[in-house]
């Protein structure tokens, strides 16, 4: 019987140690080591962007969309809030005057966000807003062309 108790105690201790290591790792990644950083942008329409949509820097994947929500703003250009997450290694590549636009990833209609690099020497700060440019989805372009051809 004592061997079973010792074996059980060893298993319980091992599980507790693994849980403690997992929790410490999660906390460390979130606060102390912070390997990732977030940026936010506001647009008038999410235009098919979904959580996990890629975020590109001049066409090169560097991050993903983390969250899409209504902003609560009355400004018609800031109705939708998009939170993006990146590896910290890309932070020096994004100047503070960079802009982001929703673009079509392929002919099937998948969308992504593409960051156009600015020219300032100061890099963007984690958690700050990156300015968006006007969203033009295919439906609005077609409506515009129909309207133009009628004139």
Protein backbone atom coordinates (compact mmCIF):
# COMPACT_ATOMS: atom_id res chain seq x y z
CA UNK A 1 0.00 0.00 0.00
CA UNK A 2 2.70 2.58 0.80
CA UNK A 3 4.05 2.20 -2.74
CA UNK A 4 0.68 3.18 -4.26
CA UNK A 5 0.51 6.30 -2.07
CA UNK A 6 4.02 7.29 -3.03
CA UNK A 7 3.25 6.70 -6.71
CA UNK A 8 0.05 8.79 -6.47
CA UNK A 9 1.85 11.56 -4.62
CA UNK A 10 4.55 11.57 -7.29
CA UNK A 11 1.94 11.84 -10.09
CA UNK A 12 0.04 14.64 -8.32
CA UNK A 13 3.28 16.52 -7.66
CA UNK A 14 4.31 16.11 -11.32
CA UNK A 15 0.96 17.44 -12.54
CA UNK A 16 1.20 20.43 -10.20
CA UNK A 17 4.73 21.22 -11.39
CA UNK A 18 3.66 21.01 -15.06
CA UNK A 19 0.65 23.25 -14.38
CA UNK A 20 2.85 25.80 -12.58
CA UNK A 21 5.33 25.84 -15.47
CA UNK A 22 2.51 26.28 -18.02
CA UNK A 23 0.98 29.16 -16.04
CA UNK A 24 4.36 30.84 -15.55
CA UNK A 25 5.06 30.51 -19.28
CA UNK A 26 1.72 32.06 -20.21
CA UNK A 27 2.18 34.94 -17.78
CA UNK A 28 5.78 35.47 -18.88
CA UNK A 29 4.84 35.60 -22.52
CA UNK A 30 2.07 38.08 -21.85
CA UNK A 31 3.91 40.48 -19.57
CA UNK A 32 7.61 39.98 -19.06
CA UNK A 33 8.93 38.66 -22.34
CA UNK A 34 6.17 40.04 -24.60
CA UNK A 35 7.23 38.54 -27.93
CA UNK A 36 4.21 40.01 -29.68
CA UNK A 37 2.66 43.44 -29.98
CA UNK A 38 -0.76 44.71 -31.03
CA UNK A 39 -1.88 47.55 -33.26
CA UNK A 40 -5.41 48.78 -33.92
CA UNK A 41 -7.05 50.38 -36.94
CA UNK A 42 -10.52 51.75 -37.61
CA UNK A 43 -12.40 51.37 -40.88
CA UNK A 44 -15.86 52.11 -42.22
CA UNK A 45 -16.54 48.48 -43.20
CA UNK A 46 -14.78 45.22 -42.35
CA UNK A 47 -15.22 44.17 -46.01
CA UNK A 48 -14.80 40.46 -45.36
CA UNK A 49 -11.89 40.61 -42.90
CA UNK A 50 -12.19 37.88 -40.26
CA UNK A 51 -10.25 37.00 -37.12
CA UNK A 52 -7.05 35.22 -38.22
CA UNK A 53 -6.99 37.05 -41.58
CA UNK A 54 -3.38 37.74 -42.52
CA UNK A 55 -1.74 41.12 -42.06
CA UNK A 56 0.89 41.88 -44.68
CA UNK A 57 3.68 44.42 -44.97
CA UNK A 58 3.96 45.23 -48.67
CA UNK A 59 2.56 41.77 -49.44
CA UNK A 60 4.71 39.81 -46.95
CA UNK A 61 2.82 38.09 -44.08
CA UNK A 62 3.90 39.54 -40.71
CA UNK A 63 0.86 39.10 -38.46
CA UNK A 64 -2.84 38.35 -38.19
CA UNK A 65 -6.15 39.92 -37.26
CA UNK A 66 -6.89 39.15 -33.63
CA UNK A 67 -10.31 40.73 -33.13
CA UNK A 68 -12.97 42.63 -35.09
CA UNK A 69 -15.63 44.64 -33.28
CA UNK A 70 -17.91 47.64 -33.58
CA UNK A 71 -16.09 50.68 -32.25
CA UNK A 72 -19.09 52.60 -30.95
CA UNK A 73 -17.83 55.70 -32.74
CA UNK A 74 -20.28 58.00 -34.51
CA UNK A 75 -17.61 58.85 -37.10
CA UNK A 76 -18.65 57.00 -40.30
CA UNK A 77 -14.99 56.28 -41.11
CA UNK A 78 -14.38 54.60 -37.70
CA UNK A 79 -17.32 52.22 -37.29
CA UNK A 80 -15.31 48.98 -37.19
CA UNK A 81 -12.29 48.39 -34.92
CA UNK A 82 -9.70 45.82 -36.05
CA UNK A 83 -7.06 44.58 -33.60
CA UNK A 84 -3.94 43.07 -35.16
CA UNK A 85 -1.09 41.07 -33.60
CA UNK A 86 2.51 40.86 -34.78
CA UNK A 87 5.80 39.32 -33.76
CA UNK A 88 7.95 41.93 -32.03
CA UNK A 89 10.69 41.36 -34.62
CA UNK A 90 8.60 43.37 -37.12
CA UNK A 91 8.18 46.44 -34.90
CA UNK A 92 11.22 48.30 -36.37
CA UNK A 93 9.79 47.73 -39.88
CA UNK A 94 6.63 49.77 -39.24
CA UNK A 95 7.17 53.56 -39.04
CA UNK A 96 4.55 55.62 -37.23
CA UNK A 97 3.23 57.17 -40.47
CA UNK A 98 2.45 53.79 -42.08
CA UNK A 99 -1.06 53.09 -43.33
CA UNK A 100 -3.15 49.94 -43.66
CA UNK A 101 -5.73 48.96 -46.27
CA UNK A 102 -8.05 46.01 -46.80
CA UNK A 103 -7.02 44.14 -49.95
CA UNK A 104 -8.20 41.05 -51.81
CA UNK A 105 -5.87 38.12 -51.18
CA UNK A 106 -7.08 36.02 -54.08
CA UNK A 107 -9.82 35.71 -56.69
CA UNK A 108 -12.03 33.76 -54.27
CA UNK A 109 -12.66 36.89 -52.25
CA UNK A 110 -10.44 36.23 -49.22
CA UNK A 111 -9.30 39.49 -47.67
CA UNK A 112 -6.23 40.60 -45.78
CA UNK A 113 -4.83 43.81 -44.37
CA UNK A 114 -1.80 45.26 -46.13
CA UNK A 115 0.43 47.79 -44.40
CA UNK A 116 2.17 50.36 -46.59
CA UNK A 117 5.37 51.39 -44.90
CA UNK A 118 5.73 55.06 -44.05
CA UNK A 119 8.87 57.18 -44.24
CA UNK A 120 9.29 58.50 -40.67
CA UNK A 121 12.33 57.32 -38.77
CA UNK A 122 10.25 56.80 -35.60
CA UNK A 123 8.72 53.33 -35.33
CA UNK A 124 5.12 52.81 -34.28
CA UNK A 125 4.49 52.14 -30.60
CA UNK A 126 2.85 48.86 -29.53
CA UNK A 127 -0.85 49.30 -28.84
CA UNK A 128 -1.18 52.43 -30.95
CA UNK A 129 -3.42 53.10 -33.92
CA UNK A 130 -2.29 52.71 -37.50
CA UNK A 131 -4.22 54.92 -39.92
CA UNK A 132 -6.36 53.14 -42.52
CA UNK A 133 -6.92 54.14 -46.11
CA UNK A 134 -10.29 53.94 -47.86
CA UNK A 135 -11.71 50.47 -48.34
CA UNK A 136 -12.85 49.64 -51.84
CA UNK A 137 -14.49 46.28 -52.19
CA UNK A 138 -15.41 44.85 -55.58
CA UNK A 139 -19.14 45.62 -55.16
CA UNK A 140 -18.52 49.34 -54.60
CA UNK A 141 -16.13 49.47 -57.57
CA UNK A 142 -18.73 47.83 -59.83
CA UNK A 143 -21.47 50.19 -58.61
CA UNK A 144 -19.17 53.13 -59.31
CA UNK A 145 -18.46 51.89 -62.84
CA UNK A 146 -22.19 51.34 -63.52
CA UNK A 147 -22.93 54.86 -62.35
CA UNK A 148 -20.15 56.30 -64.52
CA UNK A 149 -21.28 54.38 -67.63
CA UNK A 150 -24.86 55.67 -67.19
CA UNK A 151 -23.65 59.26 -67.39
